Amino acid sequence: MNAIVKIDSKGRVLIPKNIRKIAELREGSYVNIAAQGRSILIEPLEPSASKHRGSFKISRWPEDLDEFIVEVIKDWWKPQDT
């Protein structure tokens, strides 16, 4: 699938809807942009959550998720015995 698009004054390019649909790009998606000679390659990045789906089993969600996150971060940054 090809499309001709115009670059705006800020260097932005609009990816046509049909191409975004094929590439499964949505608002907020991330892409990797690389130059290969005079060509530009735009490659969708898979969300990291998708890569790890099913990797962790949660037996019970904490009642206060914010408090849980703070405790995990505190534990993470504790000095480690080496």
PDB file of N, CA and C in Angstrom:
ATOM      1  N   MET A   1       0.858  -1.169   0.000  1.00  0.00           N
ATOM      2  CA  MET A   1       0.000   0.000   0.000  1.00  0.00           C
ATOM      3  C   MET A   1       0.903   1.230   0.000  1.00  0.00           C
ATOM      4  N   ASN A   2       0.690   2.131  -0.905  1.00  0.00           N
ATOM      5  CA  ASN A   2       1.447   3.381  -1.003  1.00  0.00           C
ATOM      6  C   ASN A   2       0.512   4.561  -0.876  1.00  0.00           C
ATOM      7  N   ALA A   3       1.062   5.688  -0.463  1.00  0.00           N
ATOM      8  CA  ALA A   3       0.298   6.932  -0.402  1.00  0.00           C
ATOM      9  C   ALA A   3       1.253   8.094  -0.584  1.00  0.00           C
ATOM     10  N   ILE A   4       0.780   9.154  -1.221  1.00  0.00           N
ATOM     11  CA  ILE A   4       1.565  10.374  -1.351  1.00  0.00           C
ATOM     12  C   ILE A   4       0.983  11.373  -0.358  1.00  0.00           C
ATOM     13  N   VAL A   5       1.848  11.883   0.515  1.00  0.00           N
ATOM     14  CA  VAL A   5       1.421  12.839   1.532  1.00  0.00           C
ATOM     15  C   VAL A   5       2.370  14.037   1.508  1.00  0.00           C
ATOM     16  N   LYS A   6       1.918  15.134   2.094  1.00  0.00           N
ATOM     17  CA  LYS A   6       2.708  16.367   2.120  1.00  0.00           C
ATOM     18  C   LYS A   6       3.291  16.580   3.510  1.00  0.00           C
ATOM     19  N   ILE A   7       4.536  16.996   3.568  1.00  0.00           N
ATOM     20  CA  ILE A   7       5.197  17.323   4.832  1.00  0.00           C
ATOM     21  C   ILE A   7       4.819  18.752   5.187  1.00  0.00           C
ATOM     22  N   ASP A   8       4.376  18.990   6.435  1.00  0.00           N
ATOM     23  CA  ASP A   8       4.003  20.356   6.827  1.00  0.00           C
ATOM     24  C   ASP A   8       5.235  21.152   7.256  1.00  0.00           C
ATOM     25  N   SER A   9       5.028  22.384   7.659  1.00  0.00           N
ATOM     26  CA  SER A   9       6.143  23.289   7.989  1.00  0.00           C
ATOM     27  C   SER A   9       6.966  22.816   9.189  1.00  0.00           C
ATOM     28  N   LYS A  10       6.402  21.944  10.016  1.00  0.00           N
ATOM     29  CA  LYS A  10       7.118  21.426  11.179  1.00  0.00           C
ATOM     30  C   LYS A  10       7.719  20.045  10.913  1.00  0.00           C
ATOM     31  N   GLY A  11       7.658  19.577   9.673  1.00  0.00           N
ATOM     32  CA  GLY A  11       8.233  18.286   9.311  1.00  0.00           C
ATOM     33  C   GLY A  11       7.321  17.113   9.592  1.00  0.00           C
ATOM     34  N   ARG A  12       6.057  17.380   9.924  1.00  0.00           N
ATOM     35  CA  ARG A  12       5.121  16.300  10.236  1.00  0.00           C
ATOM     36  C   ARG A  12       4.512  15.723   8.962  1.00  0.00           C
ATOM     37  N   VAL A  13       4.198  14.442   9.046  1.00  0.00           N
ATOM     38  CA  VAL A  13       3.575  13.721   7.937  1.00  0.00           C
ATOM     39  C   VAL A  13       2.324  13.040   8.485  1.00  0.00           C
ATOM     40  N   LEU A  14       1.224  13.141   7.778  1.00  0.00           N
ATOM     41  CA  LEU A  14       0.003  12.457   8.174  1.00  0.00           C
ATOM     42  C   LEU A  14      -0.001  11.066   7.549  1.00  0.00           C
ATOM     43  N   ILE A  15      -0.110  10.037   8.397  1.00  0.00           N
ATOM     44  CA  ILE A  15      -0.202   8.671   7.890  1.00  0.00           C
ATOM     45  C   ILE A  15      -1.677   8.419   7.599  1.00  0.00           C
ATOM     46  N   PRO A  16      -2.015   8.123   6.351  1.00  0.00           N
ATOM     47  CA  PRO A  16      -3.420   7.917   5.998  1.00  0.00           C
ATOM     48  C   PRO A  16      -4.085   6.810   6.829  1.00  0.00           C
ATOM     49  N   LYS A  17      -5.374   6.986   7.067  1.00  0.00           N
ATOM     50  CA  LYS A  17      -6.133   6.086   7.928  1.00  0.00           C
ATOM     51  C   LYS A  17      -6.021   4.624   7.485  1.00  0.00           C
ATOM     52  N   ASN A  18      -6.123   4.360   6.175  1.00  0.00           N
ATOM     53  CA  ASN A  18      -6.074   2.963   5.729  1.00  0.00           C
ATOM     54  C   ASN A  18      -4.712   2.326   6.013  1.00  0.00           C
ATOM     55  N   ILE A  19      -3.640   3.095   5.954  1.00  0.00           N
ATOM     56  CA  ILE A  19      -2.303   2.566   6.275  1.00  0.00           C
ATOM     57  C   ILE A  19      -2.171   2.367   7.776  1.00  0.00           C
ATOM     58  N   ARG A  20      -2.689   3.324   8.579  1.00  0.00           N
ATOM     59  CA  ARG A  20      -2.665   3.156  10.040  1.00  0.00           C
ATOM     60  C   ARG A  20      -3.435   1.903  10.445  1.00  0.00           C
ATOM     61  N   LYS A  21      -4.538   1.650   9.769  1.00  0.00           N
ATOM     62  CA  LYS A  21      -5.344   0.467  10.095  1.00  0.00           C
ATOM     63  C   LYS A  21      -4.574  -0.814   9.787  1.00  0.00           C
ATOM     64  N   ILE A  22      -3.937  -0.877   8.634  1.00  0.00           N
ATOM     65  CA  ILE A  22      -3.152  -2.056   8.246  1.00  0.00           C
ATOM     66  C   ILE A  22      -2.009  -2.283   9.241  1.00  0.00           C
ATOM     67  N   ALA A  23      -1.337  -1.183   9.650  1.00  0.00           N
ATOM     68  CA  ALA A  23      -0.194  -1.277  10.572  1.00  0.00           C
ATOM     69  C   ALA A  23      -0.633  -1.362  12.036  1.00  0.00           C
ATOM     70  N   GLU A  24      -1.955  -1.326  12.274  1.00  0.00           N
ATOM     71  CA  GLU A  24      -2.524  -1.368  13.621  1.00  0.00           C
ATOM     72  C   GLU A  24      -1.994  -0.242  14.502  1.00  0.00           C
ATOM     73  N   LEU A  25      -1.915   0.960  13.926  1.00  0.00           N
ATOM     74  CA  LEU A  25      -1.495   2.146  14.670  1.00  0.00           C
ATOM     75  C   LEU A  25      -2.723   2.895  15.161  1.00  0.00           C
ATOM     76  N   ARG A  26      -2.665   3.325  16.406  1.00  0.00           N
ATOM     77  CA  ARG A  26      -3.743   4.108  16.988  1.00  0.00           C
ATOM     78  C   ARG A  26      -3.149   5.362  17.609  1.00  0.00           C
ATOM     79  N   GLU A  27      -4.012   6.297  17.964  1.00  0.00           N
ATOM     80  CA  GLU A  27      -3.536   7.508  18.641  1.00  0.00           C
ATOM     81  C   GLU A  27      -2.748   7.089  19.880  1.00  0.00           C
ATOM     82  N   GLY A  28      -1.576   7.665  20.046  1.00  0.00           N
ATOM     83  CA  GLY A  28      -0.720   7.334  21.180  1.00  0.00           C
ATOM     84  C   GLY A  28       0.255   6.200  20.899  1.00  0.00           C
ATOM     85  N   SER A  29       0.139   5.542  19.748  1.00  0.00           N
ATOM     86  CA  SER A  29       1.080   4.475  19.391  1.00  0.00           C
ATOM     87  C   SER A  29       2.473   5.066  19.189  1.00  0.00           C
ATOM     88  N   TYR A  30       3.486   4.243  19.395  1.00  0.00           N
ATOM     89  CA  TYR A  30       4.858   4.657  19.153  1.00  0.00           C
ATOM     90  C   TYR A  30       5.382   3.967  17.903  1.00  0.00           C
ATOM     91  N   VAL A  31       6.242   4.671  17.197  1.00  0.00           N
ATOM     92  CA  VAL A  31       6.884   4.110  16.010  1.00  0.00           C
ATOM     93  C   VAL A  31       8.373   4.397  16.076  1.00  0.00           C
ATOM     94  N   ASN A  32       9.146   3.556  15.419  1.00  0.00           N
ATOM     95  CA  ASN A  32      10.577   3.779  15.252  1.00  0.00           C
ATOM     96  C   ASN A  32      10.774   4.334  13.846  1.00  0.00           C
ATOM     97  N   ILE A  33      11.520   5.419  13.726  1.00  0.00           N
ATOM     98  CA  ILE A  33      11.780   6.021  12.421  1.00  0.00           C
ATOM     99  C   ILE A  33      13.274   5.916  12.139  1.00  0.00           C
ATOM    100  N   ALA A  34      13.606   5.366  10.981  1.00  0.00           N
ATOM    101  CA  ALA A  34      15.008   5.183  10.617  1.00  0.00           C
ATOM    102  C   ALA A  34      15.231   5.664   9.191  1.00  0.00           C
ATOM    103  N   ALA A  35      16.400   6.236   8.964  1.00  0.00           N
ATOM    104  CA  ALA A  35      16.793   6.635   7.612  1.00  0.00           C
ATOM    105  C   ALA A  35      17.674   5.538   7.036  1.00  0.00           C
ATOM    106  N   GLN A  36      17.353   5.126   5.827  1.00  0.00           N
ATOM    107  CA  GLN A  36      18.166   4.140   5.110  1.00  0.00           C
ATOM    108  C   GLN A  36      18.479   4.750   3.758  1.00  0.00           C
ATOM    109  N   GLY A  37      19.636   5.405   3.685  1.00  0.00           N
ATOM    110  CA  GLY A  37      19.959   6.160   2.478  1.00  0.00           C
ATOM    111  C   GLY A  37      18.967   7.308   2.349  1.00  0.00           C
ATOM    112  N   ARG A  38      18.312   7.404   1.217  1.00  0.00           N
ATOM    113  CA  ARG A  38      17.302   8.451   1.023  1.00  0.00           C
ATOM    114  C   ARG A  38      15.893   7.969   1.367  1.00  0.00           C
ATOM    115  N   SER A  39      15.801   6.749   1.883  1.00  0.00           N
ATOM    116  CA  SER A  39      14.495   6.195   2.278  1.00  0.00           C
ATOM    117  C   SER A  39      14.278   6.385   3.767  1.00  0.00           C
ATOM    118  N   ILE A  40      13.022   6.471   4.144  1.00  0.00           N
ATOM    119  CA  ILE A  40      12.651   6.583   5.560  1.00  0.00           C
ATOM    120  C   ILE A  40      11.756   5.401   5.885  1.00  0.00           C
ATOM    121  N   LEU A  41      12.117   4.662   6.924  1.00  0.00           N
ATOM    122  CA  LEU A  41      11.351   3.509   7.353  1.00  0.00           C
ATOM    123  C   LEU A  41      10.640   3.868   8.656  1.00  0.00           C
ATOM    124  N   ILE A  42       9.328   3.706   8.687  1.00  0.00           N
ATOM    125  CA  ILE A  42       8.533   3.929   9.898  1.00  0.00           C
ATOM    126  C   ILE A  42       7.991   2.576  10.323  1.00  0.00           C
ATOM    127  N   GLU A  43       8.399   2.138  11.518  1.00  0.00           N
ATOM    128  CA  GLU A  43       8.054   0.804  11.992  1.00  0.00           C
ATOM    129  C   GLU A  43       7.298   0.888  13.313  1.00  0.00           C
ATOM    130  N   PRO A  44       6.085   0.312  13.386  1.00  0.00           N
ATOM    131  CA  PRO A  44       5.333   0.340  14.652  1.00  0.00           C
ATOM    132  C   PRO A  44       6.088  -0.401  15.739  1.00  0.00           C
ATOM    133  N   LEU A  45       6.019   0.125  16.959  1.00  0.00           N
ATOM    134  CA  LEU A  45       6.604  -0.548  18.113  1.00  0.00           C
ATOM    135  C   LEU A  45       5.488  -1.233  18.882  1.00  0.00           C
ATOM    136  N   GLU A  46       5.736  -2.450  19.304  1.00  0.00           N
ATOM    137  CA  GLU A  46       4.758  -3.192  20.082  1.00  0.00           C
ATOM    138  C   GLU A  46       4.792  -2.676  21.516  1.00  0.00           C
ATOM    139  N   PRO A  47       3.636  -2.411  22.116  1.00  0.00           N
ATOM    140  CA  PRO A  47       3.638  -1.973  23.517  1.00  0.00           C
ATOM    141  C   PRO A  47       4.300  -3.023  24.397  1.00  0.00           C
ATOM    142  N   SER A  48       5.083  -2.589  25.380  1.00  0.00           N
ATOM    143  CA  SER A  48       5.786  -3.542  26.238  1.00  0.00           C
ATOM    144  C   SER A  48       4.800  -4.408  27.009  1.00  0.00           C
ATOM    145  N   ALA A  49       3.614  -3.897  27.297  1.00  0.00           N
ATOM    146  CA  ALA A  49       2.619  -4.700  28.007  1.00  0.00           C
ATOM    147  C   ALA A  49       2.219  -5.909  27.171  1.00  0.00           C
ATOM    148  N   SER A  50       2.159  -5.746  25.858  1.00  0.00           N
ATOM    149  CA  SER A  50       1.788  -6.859  24.986  1.00  0.00           C
ATOM    150  C   SER A  50       2.866  -7.941  24.990  1.00  0.00           C
ATOM    151  N   LYS A  51       4.122  -7.532  25.087  1.00  0.00           N
ATOM    152  CA  LYS A  51       5.215  -8.492  25.095  1.00  0.00           C
ATOM    153  C   LYS A  51       5.172  -9.376  26.338  1.00  0.00           C
ATOM    154  N   HIS A  52       4.689  -8.813  27.443  1.00  0.00           N
ATOM    155  CA  HIS A  52       4.730  -9.523  28.719  1.00  0.00           C
ATOM    156  C   HIS A  52       3.366 -10.046  29.157  1.00  0.00           C
ATOM    157  N   ARG A  53       2.375  -9.960  28.287  1.00  0.00           N
ATOM    158  CA  ARG A  53       1.035 -10.431  28.637  1.00  0.00           C
ATOM    159  C   ARG A  53       1.106 -11.889  29.055  1.00  0.00           C
ATOM    160  N   GLY A  54       0.576 -12.171  30.240  1.00  0.00           N
ATOM    161  CA  GLY A  54       0.570 -13.541  30.741  1.00  0.00           C
ATOM    162  C   GLY A  54       1.825 -13.935  31.494  1.00  0.00           C
ATOM    163  N   SER A  55       2.818 -13.031  31.573  1.00  0.00           N
ATOM    164  CA  SER A  55       4.071 -13.361  32.251  1.00  0.00           C
ATOM    165  C   SER A  55       3.927 -13.365  33.763  1.00  0.00           C
ATOM    166  N   PHE A  56       3.006 -12.581  34.265  1.00  0.00           N
ATOM    167  CA  PHE A  56       2.848 -12.436  35.707  1.00  0.00           C
ATOM    168  C   PHE A  56       1.442 -12.852  36.105  1.00  0.00           C
ATOM    169  N   LYS A  57       1.350 -13.597  37.176  1.00  0.00           N
ATOM    170  CA  LYS A  57       0.052 -13.998  37.678  1.00  0.00           C
ATOM    171  C   LYS A  57      -0.245 -13.163  38.919  1.00  0.00           C
ATOM    172  N   ILE A  58      -1.383 -12.528  38.906  1.00  0.00           N
ATOM    173  CA  ILE A  58      -1.792 -11.710  40.043  1.00  0.00           C
ATOM    174  C   ILE A  58      -2.945 -12.430  40.727  1.00  0.00           C
ATOM    175  N   SER A  59      -2.690 -12.876  41.954  1.00  0.00           N
ATOM    176  CA  SER A  59      -3.733 -13.617  42.660  1.00  0.00           C
ATOM    177  C   SER A  59      -4.770 -12.674  43.255  1.00  0.00           C
ATOM    178  N   ARG A  60      -4.327 -11.467  43.636  1.00  0.00           N
ATOM    179  CA  ARG A  60      -5.272 -10.512  44.220  1.00  0.00           C
ATOM    180  C   ARG A  60      -4.732  -9.104  43.988  1.00  0.00           C
ATOM    181  N   TRP A  61      -5.564  -8.228  43.423  1.00  0.00           N
ATOM    182  CA  TRP A  61      -5.165  -6.839  43.229  1.00  0.00           C
ATOM    183  C   TRP A  61      -5.182  -6.122  44.570  1.00  0.00           C
ATOM    184  N   PRO A  62      -4.208  -5.252  44.823  1.00  0.00           N
ATOM    185  CA  PRO A  62      -4.208  -4.477  46.071  1.00  0.00           C
ATOM    186  C   PRO A  62      -5.404  -3.525  46.094  1.00  0.00           C
ATOM    187  N   GLU A  63      -5.898  -3.258  47.295  1.00  0.00           N
ATOM    188  CA  GLU A  63      -7.060  -2.361  47.412  1.00  0.00           C
ATOM    189  C   GLU A  63      -6.688  -0.936  47.040  1.00  0.00           C
ATOM    190  N   ASP A  64      -5.496  -0.510  47.432  1.00  0.00           N
ATOM    191  CA  ASP A  64      -5.043   0.844  47.096  1.00  0.00           C
ATOM    192  C   ASP A  64      -3.831   0.710  46.183  1.00  0.00           C
ATOM    193  N   LEU A  65      -4.046   0.822  44.882  1.00  0.00           N
ATOM    194  CA  LEU A  65      -2.984   0.603  43.906  1.00  0.00           C
ATOM    195  C   LEU A  65      -1.859   1.634  44.063  1.00  0.00           C
ATOM    196  N   ASP A  66      -2.194   2.893  44.356  1.00  0.00           N
ATOM    197  CA  ASP A  66      -1.160   3.915  44.537  1.00  0.00           C
ATOM    198  C   ASP A  66      -0.233   3.556  45.700  1.00  0.00           C
ATOM    199  N   GLU A  67      -0.820   3.139  46.809  1.00  0.00           N
ATOM    200  CA  GLU A  67      -0.023   2.765  47.975  1.00  0.00           C
ATOM    201  C   GLU A  67       0.862   1.558  47.648  1.00  0.00           C
ATOM    202  N   PHE A  68       0.315   0.604  46.919  1.00  0.00           N
ATOM    203  CA  PHE A  68       1.064  -0.580  46.516  1.00  0.00           C
ATOM    204  C   PHE A  68       2.283  -0.186  45.679  1.00  0.00           C
ATOM    205  N   ILE A  69       2.074   0.712  44.710  1.00  0.00           N
ATOM    206  CA  ILE A  69       3.171   1.147  43.831  1.00  0.00           C
ATOM    207  C   ILE A  69       4.261   1.836  44.636  1.00  0.00           C
ATOM    208  N   VAL A  70       3.873   2.697  45.585  1.00  0.00           N
ATOM    209  CA  VAL A  70       4.852   3.386  46.428  1.00  0.00           C
ATOM    210  C   VAL A  70       5.678   2.356  47.209  1.00  0.00           C
ATOM    211  N   GLU A  71       5.017   1.344  47.771  1.00  0.00           N
ATOM    212  CA  GLU A  71       5.732   0.316  48.534  1.00  0.00           C
ATOM    213  C   GLU A  71       6.678  -0.488  47.650  1.00  0.00           C
ATOM    214  N   VAL A  72       6.254  -0.820  46.445  1.00  0.00           N
ATOM    215  CA  VAL A  72       7.115  -1.567  45.523  1.00  0.00           C
ATOM    216  C   VAL A  72       8.345  -0.749  45.166  1.00  0.00           C
ATOM    217  N   ILE A  73       8.153   0.545  44.901  1.00  0.00           N
ATOM    218  CA  ILE A  73       9.279   1.420  44.553  1.00  0.00           C
ATOM    219  C   ILE A  73      10.236   1.553  45.732  1.00  0.00           C
ATOM    220  N   LYS A  74       9.705   1.702  46.944  1.00  0.00           N
ATOM    221  CA  LYS A  74      10.565   1.782  48.131  1.00  0.00           C
ATOM    222  C   LYS A  74      11.395   0.503  48.264  1.00  0.00           C
ATOM    223  N   ASP A  75      10.732  -0.646  48.079  1.00  0.00           N
ATOM    224  CA  ASP A  75      11.428  -1.924  48.180  1.00  0.00           C
ATOM    225  C   ASP A  75      12.504  -2.051  47.105  1.00  0.00           C
ATOM    226  N   TRP A  76      12.180  -1.603  45.901  1.00  0.00           N
ATOM    227  CA  TRP A  76      13.110  -1.674  44.768  1.00  0.00           C
ATOM    228  C   TRP A  76      14.383  -0.885  45.057  1.00  0.00           C
ATOM    229  N   TRP A  77      14.243   0.283  45.685  1.00  0.00           N
ATOM    230  CA  TRP A  77      15.383   1.171  45.894  1.00  0.00           C
ATOM    231  C   TRP A  77      16.112   0.922  47.213  1.00  0.00           C
ATOM    232  N   LYS A  78      15.692  -0.082  47.996  1.00  0.00           N
ATOM    233  CA  LYS A  78      16.412  -0.399  49.219  1.00  0.00           C
ATOM    234  C   LYS A  78      17.826  -0.845  48.865  1.00  0.00           C
ATOM    235  N   PRO A  79      18.798  -0.489  49.701  1.00  0.00           N
ATOM    236  CA  PRO A  79      20.165  -0.980  49.431  1.00  0.00           C
ATOM    237  C   PRO A  79      20.175  -2.505  49.432  1.00  0.00           C
ATOM    238  N   GLN A  80      20.842  -3.081  48.475  1.00  0.00           N
ATOM    239  CA  GLN A  80      20.907  -4.532  48.329  1.00  0.00           C
ATOM    240  C   GLN A  80      22.200  -5.050  48.955  1.00  0.00           C
ATOM    241  N   ASP A  81      22.097  -6.146  49.677  1.00  0.00           N
ATOM    242  CA  ASP A  81      23.300  -6.802  50.215  1.00  0.00           C
ATOM    243  C   ASP A  81      23.993  -7.512  49.068  1.00  0.00           C
ATOM    244  N   THR A  82      25.257  -7.192  48.869  1.00  0.00           N
ATOM    245  CA  THR A  82      26.001  -7.844  47.781  1.00  0.00           C
ATOM    246  C   THR A  82      27.184  -8.588  48.311  1.00  0.00           C
TER     247      THR A  82
END
